[in-house]
PDB file of N, CA and C in Angstrom:
ATOM      1  N   MET A   1      40.806   9.909 -41.540  1.00  0.00           N
ATOM      2  CA  MET A   1      39.467  10.412 -41.608  1.00  0.00           C
ATOM      3  C   MET A   1      38.457   9.386 -41.076  1.00  0.00           C
ATOM      4  N   VAL A   2      38.656   8.114 -41.381  1.00  0.00           N
ATOM      5  CA  VAL A   2      37.764   7.069 -40.900  1.00  0.00           C
ATOM      6  C   VAL A   2      37.874   6.949 -39.382  1.00  0.00           C
ATOM      7  N   THR A   3      39.102   7.005 -38.867  1.00  0.00           N
ATOM      8  CA  THR A   3      39.305   6.918 -37.422  1.00  0.00           C
ATOM      9  C   THR A   3      38.617   8.086 -36.728  1.00  0.00           C
ATOM     10  N   SER A   4      38.705   9.266 -37.274  1.00  0.00           N
ATOM     11  CA  SER A   4      38.081  10.453 -36.717  1.00  0.00           C
ATOM     12  C   SER A   4      36.558  10.275 -36.652  1.00  0.00           C
ATOM     13  N   ARG A   5      35.954   9.779 -37.724  1.00  0.00           N
ATOM     14  CA  ARG A   5      34.498   9.549 -37.755  1.00  0.00           C
ATOM     15  C   ARG A   5      34.098   8.463 -36.766  1.00  0.00           C
ATOM     16  N   GLN A   6      34.938   7.446 -36.648  1.00  0.00           N
ATOM     17  CA  GLN A   6      34.653   6.358 -35.716  1.00  0.00           C
ATOM     18  C   GLN A   6      34.672   6.875 -34.283  1.00  0.00           C
ATOM     19  N   GLU A   7      35.597   7.767 -33.964  1.00  0.00           N
ATOM     20  CA  GLU A   7      35.661   8.350 -32.619  1.00  0.00           C
ATOM     21  C   GLU A   7      34.431   9.211 -32.346  1.00  0.00           C
ATOM     22  N   ILE A   8      33.989   9.956 -33.340  1.00  0.00           N
ATOM     23  CA  ILE A   8      32.797  10.788 -33.189  1.00  0.00           C
ATOM     24  C   ILE A   8      31.573   9.912 -32.935  1.00  0.00           C
ATOM     25  N   ILE A   9      31.451   8.863 -33.729  1.00  0.00           N
ATOM     26  CA  ILE A   9      30.309   7.954 -33.575  1.00  0.00           C
ATOM     27  C   ILE A   9      30.377   7.247 -32.224  1.00  0.00           C
ATOM     28  N   SER A  10      31.569   6.815 -31.817  1.00  0.00           N
ATOM     29  CA  SER A  10      31.727   6.170 -30.509  1.00  0.00           C
ATOM     30  C   SER A  10      31.331   7.134 -29.385  1.00  0.00           C
ATOM     31  N   GLY A  11      31.694   8.400 -29.530  1.00  0.00           N
ATOM     32  CA  GLY A  11      31.305   9.416 -28.539  1.00  0.00           C
ATOM     33  C   GLY A  11      29.797   9.576 -28.477  1.00  0.00           C
ATOM     34  N   PHE A  12      29.142   9.615 -29.642  1.00  0.00           N
ATOM     35  CA  PHE A  12      27.679   9.714 -29.676  1.00  0.00           C
ATOM     36  C   PHE A  12      27.032   8.517 -28.979  1.00  0.00           C
ATOM     37  N   ILE A  13      27.562   7.350 -29.287  1.00  0.00           N
ATOM     38  CA  ILE A  13      27.008   6.128 -28.677  1.00  0.00           C
ATOM     39  C   ILE A  13      27.200   6.159 -27.165  1.00  0.00           C
ATOM     40  N   SER A  14      28.378   6.528 -26.719  1.00  0.00           N
ATOM     41  CA  SER A  14      28.664   6.589 -25.288  1.00  0.00           C
ATOM     42  C   SER A  14      27.747   7.591 -24.586  1.00  0.00           C
ATOM     43  N   ARG A  15      27.594   8.783 -25.146  1.00  0.00           N
ATOM     44  CA  ARG A  15      26.718   9.797 -24.546  1.00  0.00           C
ATOM     45  C   ARG A  15      25.257   9.350 -24.560  1.00  0.00           C
ATOM     46  N   SER A  16      24.870   8.652 -25.613  1.00  0.00           N
ATOM     47  CA  SER A  16      23.499   8.144 -25.689  1.00  0.00           C
ATOM     48  C   SER A  16      23.219   7.147 -24.577  1.00  0.00           C
ATOM     49  N   PHE A  17      24.156   6.233 -24.333  1.00  0.00           N
ATOM     50  CA  PHE A  17      23.993   5.254 -23.253  1.00  0.00           C
ATOM     51  C   PHE A  17      23.947   5.956 -21.891  1.00  0.00           C
ATOM     52  N   MET A  18      24.825   6.938 -21.674  1.00  0.00           N
ATOM     53  CA  MET A  18      24.837   7.655 -20.400  1.00  0.00           C
ATOM     54  C   MET A  18      23.530   8.420 -20.195  1.00  0.00           C
ATOM     55  N   SER A  19      23.056   9.046 -21.264  1.00  0.00           N
ATOM     56  CA  SER A  19      21.810   9.794 -21.177  1.00  0.00           C
ATOM     57  C   SER A  19      20.632   8.866 -20.866  1.00  0.00           C
ATOM     58  N   MET A  20      20.573   7.752 -21.561  1.00  0.00           N
ATOM     59  CA  MET A  20      19.485   6.795 -21.333  1.00  0.00           C
ATOM     60  C   MET A  20      19.569   6.226 -19.916  1.00  0.00           C
ATOM     61  N   ASN A  21      20.756   5.915 -19.461  1.00  0.00           N
ATOM     62  CA  ASN A  21      20.942   5.385 -18.111  1.00  0.00           C
ATOM     63  C   ASN A  21      20.477   6.413 -17.068  1.00  0.00           C
ATOM     64  N   SER A  22      20.828   7.658 -17.280  1.00  0.00           N
ATOM     65  CA  SER A  22      20.422   8.717 -16.365  1.00  0.00           C
ATOM     66  C   SER A  22      18.900   8.847 -16.328  1.00  0.00           C
ATOM     67  N   LYS A  23      18.260   8.818 -17.479  1.00  0.00           N
ATOM     68  CA  LYS A  23      16.800   8.918 -17.541  1.00  0.00           C
ATOM     69  C   LYS A  23      16.141   7.722 -16.860  1.00  0.00           C
ATOM     70  N   LEU A  24      16.685   6.538 -17.051  1.00  0.00           N
ATOM     71  CA  LEU A  24      16.130   5.347 -16.409  1.00  0.00           C
ATOM     72  C   LEU A  24      16.267   5.416 -14.890  1.00  0.00           C
ATOM     73  N   LEU A  25      17.409   5.908 -14.408  1.00  0.00           N
ATOM     74  CA  LEU A  25      17.596   6.042 -12.958  1.00  0.00           C
ATOM     75  C   LEU A  25      16.603   7.042 -12.371  1.00  0.00           C
ATOM     76  N   ARG A  26      16.399   8.160 -13.056  1.00  0.00           N
ATOM     77  CA  ARG A  26      15.411   9.144 -12.578  1.00  0.00           C
ATOM     78  C   ARG A  26      14.012   8.561 -12.585  1.00  0.00           C
ATOM     79  N   ALA A  27      13.659   7.819 -13.617  1.00  0.00           N
ATOM     80  CA  ALA A  27      12.333   7.198 -13.697  1.00  0.00           C
ATOM     81  C   ALA A  27      12.161   6.160 -12.586  1.00  0.00           C
ATOM     82  N   PHE A  28      13.201   5.385 -12.314  1.00  0.00           N
ATOM     83  CA  PHE A  28      13.152   4.394 -11.237  1.00  0.00           C
ATOM     84  C   PHE A  28      12.927   5.086  -9.895  1.00  0.00           C
ATOM     85  N   ASP A  29      13.646   6.191  -9.642  1.00  0.00           N
ATOM     86  CA  ASP A  29      13.470   6.945  -8.398  1.00  0.00           C
ATOM     87  C   ASP A  29      12.047   7.484  -8.287  1.00  0.00           C
ATOM     88  N   GLU A  30      11.518   7.977  -9.399  1.00  0.00           N
ATOM     89  CA  GLU A  30      10.156   8.519  -9.387  1.00  0.00           C
ATOM     90  C   GLU A  30       9.138   7.427  -9.076  1.00  0.00           C
ATOM     91  N   VAL A  31       9.295   6.271  -9.676  1.00  0.00           N
ATOM     92  CA  VAL A  31       8.388   5.153  -9.411  1.00  0.00           C
ATOM     93  C   VAL A  31       8.502   4.720  -7.949  1.00  0.00           C
ATOM     94  N   THR A  32       9.706   4.701  -7.415  1.00  0.00           N
ATOM     95  CA  THR A  32       9.912   4.336  -6.012  1.00  0.00           C
ATOM     96  C   THR A  32       9.191   5.312  -5.092  1.00  0.00           C
ATOM     97  N   HIS A  33       9.288   6.608  -5.371  1.00  0.00           N
ATOM     98  CA  HIS A  33       8.622   7.615  -4.553  1.00  0.00           C
ATOM     99  C   HIS A  33       7.102   7.505  -4.670  1.00  0.00           C
ATOM    100  N   ILE A  34       6.605   7.267  -5.858  1.00  0.00           N
ATOM    101  CA  ILE A  34       5.157   7.127  -6.054  1.00  0.00           C
ATOM    102  C   ILE A  34       4.653   5.894  -5.302  1.00  0.00           C
ATOM    103  N   ALA A  35       5.389   4.810  -5.368  1.00  0.00           N
ATOM    104  CA  ALA A  35       4.989   3.588  -4.658  1.00  0.00           C
ATOM    105  C   ALA A  35       4.944   3.838  -3.152  1.00  0.00           C
ATOM    106  N   ALA A  36       5.903   4.582  -2.632  1.00  0.00           N
ATOM    107  CA  ALA A  36       5.912   4.900  -1.197  1.00  0.00           C
ATOM    108  C   ALA A  36       4.684   5.737  -0.825  1.00  0.00           C
ATOM    109  N   ARG A  37       4.328   6.694  -1.671  1.00  0.00           N
ATOM    110  CA  ARG A  37       3.135   7.515  -1.397  1.00  0.00           C
ATOM    111  C   ARG A  37       1.872   6.663  -1.441  1.00  0.00           C
ATOM    112  N   VAL A  38       1.794   5.753  -2.393  1.00  0.00           N
ATOM    113  CA  VAL A  38       0.620   4.890  -2.504  1.00  0.00           C
ATOM    114  C   VAL A  38       0.499   4.014  -1.262  1.00  0.00           C
ATOM    115  N   ARG A  39       1.618   3.458  -0.797  1.00  0.00           N
ATOM    116  CA  ARG A  39       1.588   2.639   0.413  1.00  0.00           C
ATOM    117  C   ARG A  39       1.126   3.467   1.615  1.00  0.00           C
ATOM    118  N   THR A  40       1.590   4.697   1.713  1.00  0.00           N
ATOM    119  CA  THR A  40       1.212   5.565   2.824  1.00  0.00           C
ATOM    120  C   THR A  40      -0.277   5.875   2.809  1.00  0.00           C
ATOM    121  N   LEU A  41      -0.851   6.013   1.631  1.00  0.00           N
ATOM    122  CA  LEU A  41      -2.264   6.365   1.504  1.00  0.00           C
ATOM    123  C   LEU A  41      -3.193   5.155   1.506  1.00  0.00           C
ATOM    124  N   SER A  42      -2.645   3.969   1.549  1.00  0.00           N
ATOM    125  CA  SER A  42      -3.492   2.781   1.454  1.00  0.00           C
ATOM    126  C   SER A  42      -4.323   2.597   2.724  1.00  0.00           C
ATOM    127  N   PRO A  43      -5.503   2.035   2.593  1.00  0.00           N
ATOM    128  CA  PRO A  43      -6.326   1.757   3.778  1.00  0.00           C
ATOM    129  C   PRO A  43      -5.604   0.856   4.785  1.00  0.00           C
ATOM    130  N   GLN A  44      -4.815  -0.081   4.302  1.00  0.00           N
ATOM    131  CA  GLN A  44      -4.100  -0.974   5.213  1.00  0.00           C
ATOM    132  C   GLN A  44      -3.104  -0.189   6.062  1.00  0.00           C
ATOM    133  N   ALA A  45      -2.452   0.814   5.492  1.00  0.00           N
ATOM    134  CA  ALA A  45      -1.523   1.637   6.262  1.00  0.00           C
ATOM    135  C   ALA A  45      -2.255   2.370   7.375  1.00  0.00           C
ATOM    136  N   THR A  46      -3.472   2.812   7.098  1.00  0.00           N
ATOM    137  CA  THR A  46      -4.279   3.472   8.130  1.00  0.00           C
ATOM    138  C   THR A  46      -4.595   2.491   9.253  1.00  0.00           C
ATOM    139  N   LEU A  47      -4.970   1.276   8.898  1.00  0.00           N
ATOM    140  CA  LEU A  47      -5.239   0.258   9.915  1.00  0.00           C
ATOM    141  C   LEU A  47      -3.973  -0.064  10.704  1.00  0.00           C
ATOM    142  N   ASP A  48      -2.838  -0.112  10.032  1.00  0.00           N
ATOM    143  CA  ASP A  48      -1.565  -0.415  10.706  1.00  0.00           C
ATOM    144  C   ASP A  48      -1.202   0.641  11.746  1.00  0.00           C
ATOM    145  N   ARG A  49      -1.712   1.869  11.564  1.00  0.00           N
ATOM    146  CA  ARG A  49      -1.440   2.935  12.542  1.00  0.00           C
ATOM    147  C   ARG A  49      -2.357   2.844  13.751  1.00  0.00           C
ATOM    148  N   GLY A  50      -3.271   1.873  13.768  1.00  0.00           N
ATOM    149  CA  GLY A  50      -4.112   1.670  14.941  1.00  0.00           C
ATOM    150  C   GLY A  50      -5.569   2.029  14.758  1.00  0.00           C
ATOM    151  N   TYR A  51      -5.949   2.461  13.588  1.00  0.00           N
ATOM    152  CA  TYR A  51      -7.347   2.774  13.345  1.00  0.00           C
ATOM    153  C   TYR A  51      -8.110   1.499  13.010  1.00  0.00           C
ATOM    154  N   SER A  52      -9.425   1.585  13.066  1.00  0.00           N
ATOM    155  CA  SER A  52     -10.241   0.444  12.667  1.00  0.00           C
ATOM    156  C   SER A  52     -11.412   0.944  11.833  1.00  0.00           C
ATOM    157  N   VAL A  53     -12.041   0.020  11.135  1.00  0.00           N
ATOM    158  CA  VAL A  53     -13.222   0.316  10.335  1.00  0.00           C
ATOM    159  C   VAL A  53     -14.375  -0.454  10.955  1.00  0.00           C
ATOM    160  N   VAL A  54     -15.463   0.254  11.245  1.00  0.00           N
ATOM    161  CA  VAL A  54     -16.646  -0.376  11.834  1.00  0.00           C
ATOM    162  C   VAL A  54     -17.637  -0.665  10.713  1.00  0.00           C
ATOM    163  N   GLN A  55     -18.110  -1.925  10.672  1.00  0.00           N
ATOM    164  CA  GLN A  55     -19.073  -2.335   9.647  1.00  0.00           C
ATOM    165  C   GLN A  55     -20.290  -2.964  10.302  1.00  0.00           C
ATOM    166  N   LYS A  56     -21.438  -2.706   9.713  1.00  0.00           N
ATOM    167  CA  LYS A  56     -22.651  -3.400  10.143  1.00  0.00           C
ATOM    168  C   LYS A  56     -22.584  -4.839   9.642  1.00  0.00           C
ATOM    169  N   GLY A  57     -23.519  -5.641  10.056  1.00  0.00           N
ATOM    170  CA  GLY A  57     -23.545  -7.047   9.651  1.00  0.00           C
ATOM    171  C   GLY A  57     -23.622  -7.245   8.152  1.00  0.00           C
ATOM    172  N   ASP A  58     -24.255  -6.289   7.434  1.00  0.00           N
ATOM    173  CA  ASP A  58     -24.372  -6.415   5.974  1.00  0.00           C
ATOM    174  C   ASP A  58     -23.175  -5.833   5.237  1.00  0.00           C
ATOM    175  N   GLY A  59     -22.151  -5.393   5.977  1.00  0.00           N
ATOM    176  CA  GLY A  59     -20.928  -4.882   5.362  1.00  0.00           C
ATOM    177  C   GLY A  59     -20.891  -3.381   5.168  1.00  0.00           C
ATOM    178  N   VAL A  60     -22.005  -2.688   5.442  1.00  0.00           N
ATOM    179  CA  VAL A  60     -22.035  -1.233   5.295  1.00  0.00           C
ATOM    180  C   VAL A  60     -21.117  -0.605   6.344  1.00  0.00           C
ATOM    181  N   ILE A  61     -20.303   0.346   5.922  1.00  0.00           N
ATOM    182  CA  ILE A  61     -19.370   1.004   6.833  1.00  0.00           C
ATOM    183  C   ILE A  61     -20.119   2.043   7.655  1.00  0.00           C
ATOM    184  N   VAL A  62     -19.857   2.045   8.945  1.00  0.00           N
ATOM    185  CA  VAL A  62     -20.517   2.964   9.867  1.00  0.00           C
ATOM    186  C   VAL A  62     -19.678   4.232   9.982  1.00  0.00           C
ATOM    187  N   LYS A  63     -20.305   5.374   9.657  1.00  0.00           N
ATOM    188  CA  LYS A  63     -19.622   6.663   9.750  1.00  0.00           C
ATOM    189  C   LYS A  63     -20.155   7.496  10.899  1.00  0.00           C
ATOM    190  N   ASP A  64     -21.334   7.123  11.401  1.00  0.00           N
ATOM    191  CA  ASP A  64     -21.973   7.888  12.462  1.00  0.00           C
ATOM    192  C   ASP A  64     -22.497   6.905  13.507  1.00  0.00           C
ATOM    193  N   PRO A  65     -22.122   7.070  14.763  1.00  0.00           N
ATOM    194  CA  PRO A  65     -22.604   6.135  15.785  1.00  0.00           C
ATOM    195  C   PRO A  65     -24.120   6.126  15.916  1.00  0.00           C
ATOM    196  N   ALA A  66     -24.769   7.205  15.508  1.00  0.00           N
ATOM    197  CA  ALA A  66     -26.234   7.248  15.561  1.00  0.00           C
ATOM    198  C   ALA A  66     -26.857   6.244  14.587  1.00  0.00           C
ATOM    199  N   ALA A  67     -26.086   5.763  13.644  1.00  0.00           N
ATOM    200  CA  ALA A  67     -26.589   4.782  12.676  1.00  0.00           C
ATOM    201  C   ALA A  67     -26.669   3.384  13.273  1.00  0.00           C
ATOM    202  N   LEU A  68     -26.160   3.218  14.477  1.00  0.00           N
ATOM    203  CA  LEU A  68     -26.173   1.912  15.134  1.00  0.00           C
ATOM    204  C   LEU A  68     -27.273   1.857  16.180  1.00  0.00           C
ATOM    205  N   ALA A  69     -27.953   0.728  16.214  1.00  0.00           N
ATOM    206  CA  ALA A  69     -28.965   0.493  17.243  1.00  0.00           C
ATOM    207  C   ALA A  69     -28.327  -0.270  18.391  1.00  0.00           C
ATOM    208  N   PRO A  70     -28.697   0.043  19.627  1.00  0.00           N
ATOM    209  CA  PRO A  70     -28.171  -0.743  20.752  1.00  0.00           C
ATOM    210  C   PRO A  70     -28.455  -2.228  20.538  1.00  0.00           C
ATOM    211  N   GLY A  71     -27.449  -3.030  20.755  1.00  0.00           N
ATOM    212  CA  GLY A  71     -27.571  -4.475  20.575  1.00  0.00           C
ATOM    213  C   GLY A  71     -27.242  -4.963  19.169  1.00  0.00           C
ATOM    214  N   GLU A  72     -26.997  -4.038  18.253  1.00  0.00           N
ATOM    215  CA  GLU A  72     -26.674  -4.419  16.870  1.00  0.00           C
ATOM    216  C   GLU A  72     -25.274  -5.031  16.790  1.00  0.00           C
ATOM    217  N   GLN A  73     -25.165  -6.106  16.039  1.00  0.00           N
ATOM    218  CA  GLN A  73     -23.870  -6.771  15.862  1.00  0.00           C
ATOM    219  C   GLN A  73     -23.033  -5.981  14.852  1.00  0.00           C
ATOM    220  N   ILE A  74     -21.780  -5.731  15.182  1.00  0.00           N
ATOM    221  CA  ILE A  74     -20.885  -4.991  14.290  1.00  0.00           C
ATOM    222  C   ILE A  74     -19.557  -5.728  14.166  1.00  0.00           C
ATOM    223  N   LYS A  75     -18.836  -5.397  13.085  1.00  0.00           N
ATOM    224  CA  LYS A  75     -17.500  -5.944  12.850  1.00  0.00           C
ATOM    225  C   LYS A  75     -16.503  -4.799  12.974  1.00  0.00           C
ATOM    226  N   LEU A  76     -15.425  -5.036  13.665  1.00  0.00           N
ATOM    227  CA  LEU A  76     -14.341  -4.061  13.784  1.00  0.00           C
ATOM    228  C   LEU A  76     -13.164  -4.593  12.982  1.00  0.00           C
ATOM    229  N   ARG A  77     -12.917  -3.994  11.825  1.00  0.00           N
ATOM    230  CA  ARG A  77     -11.812  -4.433  10.968  1.00  0.00           C
ATOM    231  C   ARG A  77     -10.557  -3.692  11.404  1.00  0.00           C
ATOM    232  N   MET A  78      -9.537  -4.444  11.798  1.00  0.00           N
ATOM    233  CA  MET A  78      -8.278  -3.881  12.263  1.00  0.00           C
ATOM    234  C   MET A  78      -7.137  -4.383  11.395  1.00  0.00           C
ATOM    235  N   ALA A  79      -5.940  -3.961  11.704  1.00  0.00           N
ATOM    236  CA  ALA A  79      -4.777  -4.290  10.878  1.00  0.00           C
ATOM    237  C   ALA A  79      -4.581  -5.795  10.724  1.00  0.00           C
ATOM    238  N   LYS A  80      -4.839  -6.545  11.776  1.00  0.00           N
ATOM    239  CA  LYS A  80      -4.542  -7.974  11.719  1.00  0.00           C
ATOM    240  C   LYS A  80      -5.767  -8.865  11.806  1.00  0.00           C
ATOM    241  N   GLY A  81      -6.912  -8.326  11.429  1.00  0.00           N
ATOM    242  CA  GLY A  81      -8.095  -9.175  11.423  1.00  0.00           C
ATOM    243  C   GLY A  81      -9.354  -8.434  11.799  1.00  0.00           C
ATOM    244  N   VAL A  82     -10.384  -9.221  12.109  1.00  0.00           N
ATOM    245  CA  VAL A  82     -11.705  -8.675  12.407  1.00  0.00           C
ATOM    246  C   VAL A  82     -12.130  -9.152  13.780  1.00  0.00           C
ATOM    247  N   ALA A  83     -12.720  -8.240  14.563  1.00  0.00           N
ATOM    248  CA  ALA A  83     -13.314  -8.590  15.854  1.00  0.00           C
ATOM    249  C   ALA A  83     -14.810  -8.325  15.744  1.00  0.00           C
ATOM    250  N   LEU A  84     -15.595  -9.179  16.366  1.00  0.00           N
ATOM    251  CA  LEU A  84     -17.037  -8.990  16.395  1.00  0.00           C
ATOM    252  C   LEU A  84     -17.396  -8.299  17.699  1.00  0.00           C
ATOM    253  N   ALA A  85     -18.376  -7.399  17.641  1.00  0.00           N
ATOM    254  CA  ALA A  85     -18.780  -6.652  18.831  1.00  0.00           C
ATOM    255  C   ALA A  85     -20.278  -6.380  18.759  1.00  0.00           C
ATOM    256  N   THR A  86     -20.801  -5.876  19.859  1.00  0.00           N
ATOM    257  CA  THR A  86     -22.198  -5.493  19.938  1.00  0.00           C
ATOM    258  C   THR A  86     -22.263  -4.024  20.322  1.00  0.00           C
ATOM    259  N   ALA A  87     -23.035  -3.243  19.570  1.00  0.00           N
ATOM    260  CA  ALA A  87     -23.189  -1.825  19.874  1.00  0.00           C
ATOM    261  C   ALA A  87     -24.034  -1.686  21.140  1.00  0.00           C
ATOM    262  N   SER A  88     -23.609  -0.787  22.024  1.00  0.00           N
ATOM    263  CA  SER A  88     -24.367  -0.588  23.257  1.00  0.00           C
ATOM    264  C   SER A  88     -24.920   0.831  23.354  1.00  0.00           C
ATOM    265  N   GLY A  89     -24.827   1.593  22.296  1.00  0.00           N
ATOM    266  CA  GLY A  89     -25.298   2.965  22.287  1.00  0.00           C
ATOM    267  C   GLY A  89     -24.161   3.876  21.877  1.00  0.00           C
ATOM    268  N   ASN A  90     -24.439   5.189  21.821  1.00  0.00           N
ATOM    269  CA  ASN A  90     -23.358   6.110  21.484  1.00  0.00           C
ATOM    270  C   ASN A  90     -22.935   6.885  22.720  1.00  0.00           C
ATOM    271  N   GLN A  91     -21.934   7.688  22.609  1.00  0.00           N
ATOM    272  CA  GLN A  91     -21.346   8.380  23.754  1.00  0.00           C
ATOM    273  C   GLN A  91     -22.355   9.285  24.459  1.00  0.00           C
ATOM    274  N   GLU A  92     -23.251   9.923  23.712  1.00  0.00           N
ATOM    275  CA  GLU A  92     -24.257  10.777  24.322  1.00  0.00           C
ATOM    276  C   GLU A  92     -25.192   9.956  25.208  1.00  0.00           C
ATOM    277  N   ASP A  93     -25.520   8.725  24.776  1.00  0.00           N
ATOM    278  CA  ASP A  93     -26.379   7.859  25.582  1.00  0.00           C
ATOM    279  C   ASP A  93     -25.693   7.511  26.896  1.00  0.00           C
ATOM    280  N   ILE A  94     -24.397   7.268  26.862  1.00  0.00           N
ATOM    281  CA  ILE A  94     -23.655   6.878  28.051  1.00  0.00           C
ATOM    282  C   ILE A  94     -23.562   8.043  29.023  1.00  0.00           C
ATOM    283  N   LYS A  95     -23.351   9.267  28.526  1.00  0.00           N
ATOM    284  CA  LYS A  95     -23.232  10.448  29.381  1.00  0.00           C
ATOM    285  C   LYS A  95     -24.535  10.733  30.116  1.00  0.00           C
ATOM    286  N   SER A  96     -25.668  10.458  29.451  1.00  0.00           N
ATOM    287  CA  SER A  96     -26.959  10.803  30.067  1.00  0.00           C
ATOM    288  C   SER A  96     -27.392   9.807  31.120  1.00  0.00           C
ATOM    289  N   GLU A  97     -26.731   8.677  31.226  1.00  0.00           N
ATOM    290  CA  GLU A  97     -27.131   7.656  32.210  1.00  0.00           C
ATOM    291  C   GLU A  97     -26.696   8.000  33.600  1.00  0.00           C
TER     292      GLU A  97
END
């Protein structure tokens, strides 16, 4: 009778470890997938794809070229650093010349 109970308890313990291991593996996979999504959505990933962020001298991000005055100093933030540039107008100004 004692041996029988010991086998039952050993079975419970074994199944408990397997169940916990399975849950931990699923949680690890979920965290891995979430981390991959976060990396994909990060601003640095966008820069790595070749995009840049244009900033005025005071750090304000430029969303509209009309917000820039000809001759204004701007920063172009890219994946591997910053380049300084001077605004020369927007595309409509260039077409009308």
